[in-house]
Amino acid sequence: MDADPGRRRSRAGRLRRFGSALLCGALLVAAGCSGGGGDPSASPSPSRTSPTASSSPSLSAAASPGVSATAGGCAGGGPALRQGRNTIDYGGLRRVYLLALPRGRGPHPVLLDLHGLGSDAAQQAAYSRLPREGARRGYLVITPQTAEGRIGWTLPHAYGPDDTGFLTALLERVERGACVDRRRVFAAGMSFGAGMSAALACAMNGRLAGVAAVAGLSIVPPCERPAPLTLLAFHGTADQVVPYEGGHPFQNSSERRGLARLVVLPPVQDSAKGWARALGCTGEGVSAPAPGVRLRRWTGCRGGASVRLYTLRGAGHTWPGPIEVRRLGSTSRELDATKVILDVFDAAAPR
């Protein structure tokens, strides 16, 4: 038995990193199989009045009617940014992203909106509604897409296209081309996109003022000492893809169960506690902001950081709000994650 606590912690860290690498590979392969269990953004329920994937580029444009380009930077002179679908070359690949531009001269906060496994930028824009609602509040919203032929993001230090570098380059392009507030840059995502958003809090250490993770906080562990930021997460207790109580993912898919046995996720609440510890939080409280919703909030954190976990009783692997994806479980209607995310980011401390 190892009597050295430091050695045990180091070994535990290596195991968590190894688990994250396994998770990346296993989830990417598993999500490529046929059948249910992928990310909900790929198929919003047709029974609801909601934008479809094919309508998402125009949805982005609707965020600020009449805006087609912005002058470069606050002083001008940078590359013009055009609303809707755009491309950028990075790492030898042509990458696709959508832009929703707000009205006004700025400086504007910036929000990355990351899609989940098997989804794409247009579907995420429609499902999250962050481009439309964010632009209405003055955010410049970037909805990027994974590289062609890939169905998921490459987590930092994992094999594949350098998505951390791509997203960094994309932010730099936007900062050169529009009048933005570089101290108010945020990331949000669904499922594996939520995991990637949380990973960026460490990989872009100090650049992000806030991260919102919907149904995916437990996919990646927190780093040891992240820069202070605002972190909020949403997770349903009946999630069968990324289980709330931890364990193997894809619990509702018999054909993916073999690969899922390679991965063991921690309980979501443990992940939130881990972030609170890493951010030096000293206070904790519980409230009920809506029926069936429990908010656990950690305060007194280093540098004005904060951590919030919204637990949604009976909800599945879904984005809380008006759009339903029945095959992935119940959707909480008592809370609109899009509104909560923007409200929290509006109040977040700049970095």
Protein backbone atom coordinates (compact mmCIF):
# COMPACT_ATOMS: atom_id res chain seq x y z
CA MET A 1 0.00 0.00 0.00
CA ASP A 2 1.34 3.42 -0.97
CA ALA A 3 1.79 5.56 2.14
CA ASP A 4 2.79 8.71 0.27
CA PRO A 5 -0.30 10.97 -0.22
CA GLY A 6 1.50 13.10 -2.79
CA ARG A 7 2.35 10.06 -4.86
CA ARG A 8 -1.24 8.83 -4.61
CA ARG A 9 -2.53 12.22 -5.80
CA SER A 10 -0.08 12.20 -8.70
CA ARG A 11 -1.13 8.69 -9.65
CA ALA A 12 -4.81 9.69 -9.40
CA GLY A 13 -4.13 12.64 -11.70
CA ARG A 14 -2.48 10.38 -14.27
CA LEU A 15 -5.43 8.00 -14.10
CA ARG A 16 -7.90 10.86 -14.62
CA ARG A 17 -5.95 12.08 -17.65
CA PHE A 18 -5.80 8.54 -19.02
CA GLY A 19 -9.53 8.21 -18.43
CA SER A 20 -10.15 11.44 -20.32
CA ALA A 21 -8.17 10.15 -23.30
CA LEU A 22 -10.14 6.89 -23.23
CA LEU A 23 -13.34 8.87 -22.96
CA CYS A 24 -12.49 10.97 -25.98
CA GLY A 25 -11.78 7.93 -28.13
CA ALA A 26 -14.63 5.80 -26.84
CA LEU A 27 -17.27 8.50 -27.11
CA LEU A 28 -16.15 9.50 -30.59
CA VAL A 29 -16.35 5.94 -31.83
CA ALA A 30 -19.57 5.21 -29.96
CA ALA A 31 -21.36 8.26 -31.25
CA GLY A 32 -20.56 7.20 -34.80
CA CYS A 33 -22.68 4.05 -34.42
CA SER A 34 -26.23 3.91 -35.67
CA GLY A 35 -29.20 4.24 -33.34
CA GLY A 36 -30.10 6.59 -30.49
CA GLY A 37 -27.84 8.07 -27.89
CA GLY A 38 -26.00 10.81 -29.75
CA ASP A 39 -26.32 14.48 -28.96
CA PRO A 40 -29.81 15.96 -29.00
CA SER A 41 -28.87 18.91 -31.16
CA ALA A 42 -28.81 16.55 -34.14
CA SER A 43 -32.58 16.11 -34.06
CA PRO A 44 -34.79 18.69 -32.34
CA SER A 45 -38.33 17.36 -31.95
CA PRO A 46 -40.52 18.21 -34.94
CA SER A 47 -43.49 18.36 -32.58
CA ARG A 48 -42.25 21.68 -31.22
CA THR A 49 -42.08 25.05 -32.88
CA SER A 50 -38.33 25.41 -33.20
CA PRO A 51 -35.74 26.37 -35.81
CA THR A 52 -34.43 23.48 -37.87
CA ALA A 53 -30.82 22.77 -38.68
CA SER A 54 -31.21 24.07 -42.22
CA SER A 55 -32.57 27.37 -40.92
CA SER A 56 -29.73 28.08 -38.51
CA PRO A 57 -27.57 30.31 -40.73
CA SER A 58 -30.56 32.58 -41.32
CA LEU A 59 -31.34 32.31 -37.61
CA SER A 60 -27.92 33.80 -36.92
CA ALA A 61 -28.57 36.57 -39.38
CA ALA A 62 -31.88 37.30 -37.69
CA ALA A 63 -30.02 38.16 -34.50
CA SER A 64 -29.21 41.61 -35.78
CA PRO A 65 -31.16 42.45 -38.94
CA GLY A 66 -29.38 44.51 -41.52
CA VAL A 67 -25.89 43.78 -40.23
CA SER A 68 -23.62 42.09 -42.76
CA ALA A 69 -20.14 43.13 -41.67
CA THR A 70 -18.28 45.03 -38.97
CA ALA A 71 -15.33 47.36 -39.15
CA GLY A 72 -12.09 45.74 -38.03
CA GLY A 73 -11.43 46.17 -34.30
CA CYS A 74 -12.53 49.11 -32.17
CA ALA A 75 -10.22 51.38 -34.14
CA GLY A 76 -10.97 49.81 -37.52
CA GLY A 77 -8.51 48.37 -39.99
CA GLY A 78 -8.89 44.67 -39.19
CA PRO A 79 -10.54 41.98 -41.32
CA ALA A 80 -14.26 42.50 -41.83
CA LEU A 81 -16.49 39.92 -40.16
CA ARG A 82 -19.56 38.73 -42.01
CA GLN A 83 -22.65 37.38 -40.40
CA GLY A 84 -23.71 33.81 -41.02
CA ARG A 85 -21.50 31.03 -42.39
CA ASN A 86 -17.75 31.68 -42.62
CA THR A 87 -14.57 29.67 -43.07
CA ILE A 88 -11.03 29.96 -41.77
CA ASP A 89 -7.93 27.96 -42.68
CA TYR A 90 -6.12 26.49 -39.70
CA GLY A 91 -3.69 23.60 -39.37
CA GLY A 92 -4.00 22.76 -43.04
CA LEU A 93 -7.79 22.42 -42.77
CA ARG A 94 -10.63 24.66 -43.85
CA ARG A 95 -12.86 25.13 -40.82
CA VAL A 96 -16.47 26.31 -40.74
CA TYR A 97 -18.06 28.63 -38.19
CA LEU A 98 -21.20 30.73 -37.86
CA LEU A 99 -21.25 34.32 -36.64
CA ALA A 100 -24.11 36.22 -35.04
CA LEU A 101 -23.25 39.92 -34.83
CA PRO A 102 -24.92 42.32 -32.40
CA ARG A 103 -25.96 45.87 -33.14
CA GLY A 104 -23.92 48.80 -31.94
CA ARG A 105 -20.26 49.77 -31.97
CA GLY A 106 -19.19 47.77 -28.91
CA PRO A 107 -17.03 46.73 -27.27
CA HIS A 108 -19.03 43.49 -27.27
CA PRO A 109 -18.56 40.38 -25.14
CA VAL A 110 -17.77 37.21 -27.12
CA LEU A 111 -19.41 33.81 -26.70
CA LEU A 112 -18.26 30.48 -28.17
CA ASP A 113 -21.15 28.01 -28.63
CA LEU A 114 -19.86 24.41 -29.04
CA HIS A 115 -21.92 21.58 -30.47
CA GLY A 116 -21.95 17.97 -29.28
CA LEU A 117 -20.95 14.66 -30.85
CA GLY A 118 -22.44 14.02 -34.27
CA SER A 119 -23.95 17.49 -34.42
CA ASP A 120 -22.79 20.60 -36.27
CA ALA A 121 -22.72 24.37 -35.94
CA ALA A 122 -26.11 24.96 -37.57
CA GLN A 123 -27.86 22.46 -35.33
CA GLN A 124 -26.22 23.85 -32.21
CA ALA A 125 -27.22 27.39 -33.15
CA ALA A 126 -30.82 26.24 -33.46
CA TYR A 127 -30.87 24.08 -30.34
CA SER A 128 -29.05 26.38 -27.91
CA ARG A 129 -30.62 29.60 -29.29
CA LEU A 130 -27.51 31.39 -28.02
CA PRO A 131 -26.72 33.11 -31.35
CA ARG A 132 -30.15 34.74 -31.56
CA GLU A 133 -30.62 35.55 -27.88
CA GLY A 134 -26.97 36.39 -27.26
CA ALA A 135 -26.76 38.84 -30.16
CA ARG A 136 -29.93 40.54 -28.91
CA ARG A 137 -28.10 41.19 -25.64
CA GLY A 138 -24.98 42.52 -27.34
CA TYR A 139 -22.86 39.35 -27.54
CA LEU A 140 -20.86 38.43 -30.60
CA VAL A 141 -21.61 34.71 -30.81
CA ILE A 142 -19.30 32.27 -32.60
CA THR A 143 -20.66 28.79 -33.32
CA PRO A 144 -17.73 26.76 -34.68
CA GLN A 145 -17.81 23.30 -36.22
CA THR A 146 -15.52 20.30 -35.87
CA ALA A 147 -13.17 19.48 -38.73
CA GLU A 148 -14.61 17.75 -41.79
CA GLY A 149 -14.88 14.04 -41.19
CA ARG A 150 -14.79 14.44 -37.40
CA ILE A 151 -17.89 14.12 -35.23
CA GLY A 152 -16.39 15.48 -32.02
CA TRP A 153 -13.92 18.00 -30.68
CA THR A 154 -10.33 17.07 -29.96
CA LEU A 155 -9.82 17.63 -26.26
CA PRO A 156 -6.51 19.25 -25.25
CA HIS A 157 -3.61 16.78 -25.37
CA ALA A 158 -5.71 14.22 -27.27
CA TYR A 159 -5.03 12.92 -30.78
CA GLY A 160 -6.66 14.70 -33.71
CA PRO A 161 -6.96 18.18 -35.22
CA ASP A 162 -5.75 20.91 -32.86
CA ASP A 163 -9.16 22.26 -31.89
CA THR A 164 -7.76 24.28 -28.99
CA GLY A 165 -5.48 26.07 -31.44
CA PHE A 166 -8.33 26.46 -33.92
CA LEU A 167 -10.66 28.03 -31.35
CA THR A 168 -7.86 30.31 -30.14
CA ALA A 169 -7.16 31.44 -33.71
CA LEU A 170 -10.88 32.00 -34.25
CA LEU A 171 -11.07 34.23 -31.18
CA GLU A 172 -8.04 36.18 -32.37
CA ARG A 173 -9.63 36.69 -35.79
CA VAL A 174 -12.80 38.03 -34.18
CA GLU A 175 -10.81 40.28 -31.86
CA ARG A 176 -9.00 41.78 -34.87
CA GLY A 177 -12.17 42.20 -36.89
CA ALA A 178 -14.71 43.52 -34.39
CA CYS A 179 -14.83 45.83 -31.41
CA VAL A 180 -14.92 43.27 -28.59
CA ASP A 181 -14.27 43.27 -24.87
CA ARG A 182 -11.32 40.89 -24.50
CA ARG A 183 -11.96 40.63 -20.77
CA ARG A 184 -15.41 39.18 -21.37
CA VAL A 185 -14.92 36.05 -23.47
CA PHE A 186 -17.15 33.06 -22.67
CA ALA A 187 -17.69 29.48 -23.82
CA ALA A 188 -20.77 27.27 -23.65
CA GLY A 189 -21.54 23.84 -25.01
CA MET A 190 -23.79 20.80 -25.08
CA SER A 191 -22.61 17.31 -24.04
CA PHE A 192 -19.14 16.76 -25.56
CA GLY A 193 -19.19 20.45 -26.46
CA ALA A 194 -19.76 21.13 -22.75
CA GLY A 195 -16.72 18.99 -21.96
CA MET A 196 -14.67 20.90 -24.51
CA SER A 197 -15.86 24.22 -23.06
CA ALA A 198 -14.74 23.17 -19.58
CA ALA A 199 -11.42 21.96 -20.99
CA LEU A 200 -10.85 25.40 -22.53
CA ALA A 201 -11.04 26.94 -19.06
CA CYS A 202 -7.71 25.21 -18.44
CA ALA A 203 -6.23 25.18 -21.95
CA MET A 204 -6.94 28.90 -22.42
CA ASN A 205 -6.06 29.57 -18.78
CA GLY A 206 -6.95 33.19 -17.99
CA ARG A 207 -8.66 33.98 -21.30
CA LEU A 208 -12.22 32.93 -20.47
CA ALA A 209 -14.38 34.87 -18.04
CA GLY A 210 -16.99 32.12 -17.88
CA VAL A 211 -17.99 28.63 -19.02
CA ALA A 212 -21.45 27.03 -19.23
CA ALA A 213 -21.62 23.24 -19.50
CA VAL A 214 -24.95 21.61 -20.41
CA ALA A 215 -25.05 17.83 -19.86
CA GLY A 216 -21.28 17.37 -19.98
CA LEU A 217 -19.38 18.88 -17.05
CA SER A 218 -18.14 15.48 -15.86
CA ILE A 219 -16.50 14.59 -19.20
CA VAL A 220 -13.22 16.32 -18.28
CA PRO A 221 -11.61 16.85 -14.86
CA PRO A 222 -10.68 20.34 -13.64
CA CYS A 223 -7.06 21.39 -13.80
CA GLU A 224 -5.18 21.93 -10.56
CA ARG A 225 -5.27 25.73 -10.45
CA PRO A 226 -7.45 27.27 -13.15
CA ALA A 227 -7.59 31.03 -13.55
CA PRO A 228 -10.65 32.52 -11.79
CA LEU A 229 -13.84 32.36 -13.85
CA THR A 230 -17.59 31.91 -13.59
CA LEU A 231 -18.62 28.28 -14.11
CA LEU A 232 -22.17 27.02 -14.37
CA ALA A 233 -23.46 23.59 -15.29
CA PHE A 234 -26.86 22.01 -15.98
CA HIS A 235 -27.51 18.28 -15.71
CA GLY A 236 -30.57 16.04 -15.58
CA THR A 237 -30.81 13.26 -13.03
CA ALA A 238 -32.23 10.90 -15.69
CA ASP A 239 -29.43 11.50 -18.22
CA GLN A 240 -28.62 8.11 -19.79
CA VAL A 241 -25.78 9.35 -22.01
CA VAL A 242 -23.67 11.19 -19.44
CA PRO A 243 -25.15 9.78 -16.22
CA TYR A 244 -25.68 12.19 -13.35
CA GLU A 245 -24.53 9.69 -10.72
CA GLY A 246 -21.49 8.74 -12.76
CA GLY A 247 -20.48 5.39 -14.21
CA HIS A 248 -20.49 4.19 -17.79
CA PRO A 249 -21.89 6.53 -20.48
CA PHE A 250 -24.52 5.54 -23.07
CA GLN A 251 -26.53 3.53 -20.56
CA ASN A 252 -29.55 3.51 -22.88
CA SER A 253 -27.70 1.96 -25.83
CA SER A 254 -27.07 -1.79 -25.87
CA GLU A 255 -24.96 -1.62 -29.03
CA ARG A 256 -22.61 0.93 -27.47
CA ARG A 257 -22.35 -0.69 -24.06
CA GLY A 258 -19.13 -2.54 -24.89
CA LEU A 259 -17.24 0.64 -25.68
CA ALA A 260 -18.90 2.47 -22.81
CA ARG A 261 -17.41 -0.07 -20.37
CA LEU A 262 -13.99 1.45 -21.15
CA VAL A 263 -15.07 4.73 -19.59
CA VAL A 264 -16.14 5.52 -16.04
CA LEU A 265 -17.37 9.06 -15.46
CA PRO A 266 -17.46 10.67 -12.01
CA PRO A 267 -20.76 11.87 -10.52
CA VAL A 268 -21.64 15.31 -11.85
CA GLN A 269 -21.85 16.79 -8.36
CA ASP A 270 -18.33 15.50 -7.62
CA SER A 271 -17.10 17.24 -10.78
CA ALA A 272 -18.67 20.52 -9.67
CA LYS A 273 -17.10 20.11 -6.21
CA GLY A 274 -13.74 19.47 -7.89
CA TRP A 275 -13.99 22.74 -9.78
CA ALA A 276 -15.00 24.53 -6.57
CA ARG A 277 -11.93 23.15 -4.80
CA ALA A 278 -9.66 24.06 -7.71
CA LEU A 279 -11.05 27.61 -7.69
CA GLY A 280 -10.56 27.92 -3.93
CA CYS A 281 -14.23 28.30 -3.03
CA THR A 282 -15.03 28.38 0.68
CA GLY A 283 -18.82 28.87 0.81
CA GLU A 284 -21.63 26.61 -0.36
CA GLY A 285 -25.40 26.96 -0.48
CA VAL A 286 -28.44 25.21 -1.93
CA SER A 287 -31.63 26.75 -3.28
CA ALA A 288 -34.60 25.84 -5.50
CA PRO A 289 -34.90 28.48 -8.26
CA ALA A 290 -37.74 26.56 -9.97
CA PRO A 291 -39.89 23.47 -9.39
CA GLY A 292 -37.80 20.33 -9.87
CA VAL A 293 -34.57 22.34 -10.02
CA ARG A 294 -31.89 22.41 -7.33
CA LEU A 295 -29.14 25.01 -7.49
CA ARG A 296 -25.95 24.25 -5.58
CA ARG A 297 -23.67 27.29 -5.57
CA TRP A 298 -20.11 27.65 -4.35
CA THR A 299 -18.92 31.14 -3.38
CA GLY A 300 -15.98 32.82 -1.68
CA CYS A 301 -13.79 31.61 -4.51
CA ARG A 302 -10.37 32.85 -5.51
CA GLY A 303 -10.37 36.04 -7.59
CA GLY A 304 -14.15 36.45 -7.57
CA ALA A 305 -14.81 33.10 -9.26
CA SER A 306 -18.03 31.16 -8.68
CA VAL A 307 -19.43 27.69 -9.43
CA ARG A 308 -23.10 26.82 -9.97
CA LEU A 309 -24.68 23.43 -10.60
CA TYR A 310 -28.33 23.27 -11.69
CA THR A 311 -29.66 19.74 -11.08
CA LEU A 312 -32.83 19.02 -13.04
CA ARG A 313 -34.95 16.28 -11.51
CA GLY A 314 -36.05 13.68 -14.06
CA ALA A 315 -34.47 15.46 -17.04
CA GLY A 316 -32.52 13.53 -19.67
CA HIS A 317 -29.57 14.37 -21.90
CA THR A 318 -31.20 17.60 -23.01
CA TRP A 319 -30.87 21.39 -23.01
CA PRO A 320 -33.37 22.90 -20.52
CA GLY A 321 -35.84 25.10 -22.33
CA PRO A 322 -38.51 25.04 -25.03
CA ILE A 323 -37.03 22.52 -27.51
CA GLU A 324 -37.76 18.85 -26.88
CA VAL A 325 -35.75 15.79 -27.95
CA ARG A 326 -37.90 12.89 -26.80
CA ARG A 327 -35.54 10.03 -27.62
CA LEU A 328 -33.01 11.43 -25.15
CA GLY A 329 -35.36 11.86 -22.25
CA SER A 330 -37.42 14.55 -20.65
CA THR A 331 -36.62 18.23 -21.14
CA SER A 332 -36.95 20.56 -18.16
CA ARG A 333 -39.43 23.35 -18.97
CA GLU A 334 -39.12 25.02 -15.59
CA LEU A 335 -35.77 26.57 -16.46
CA ASP A 336 -34.48 28.08 -19.69
CA ALA A 337 -30.75 27.36 -19.75
CA THR A 338 -30.19 29.90 -22.53
CA LYS A 339 -31.62 32.73 -20.45
CA VAL A 340 -29.82 31.62 -17.28
CA ILE A 341 -26.47 31.36 -19.09
CA LEU A 342 -26.77 34.86 -20.51
CA ASP A 343 -27.99 36.29 -17.20
CA VAL A 344 -25.00 34.78 -15.36
CA PHE A 345 -22.53 35.85 -18.03
CA ASP A 346 -23.98 39.39 -17.99
CA ALA A 347 -23.12 39.58 -14.27
CA ALA A 348 -19.77 37.77 -14.47
CA ALA A 349 -16.61 39.60 -13.47
CA PRO A 350 -14.38 40.54 -16.44
CA ARG A 351 -10.97 38.84 -16.67
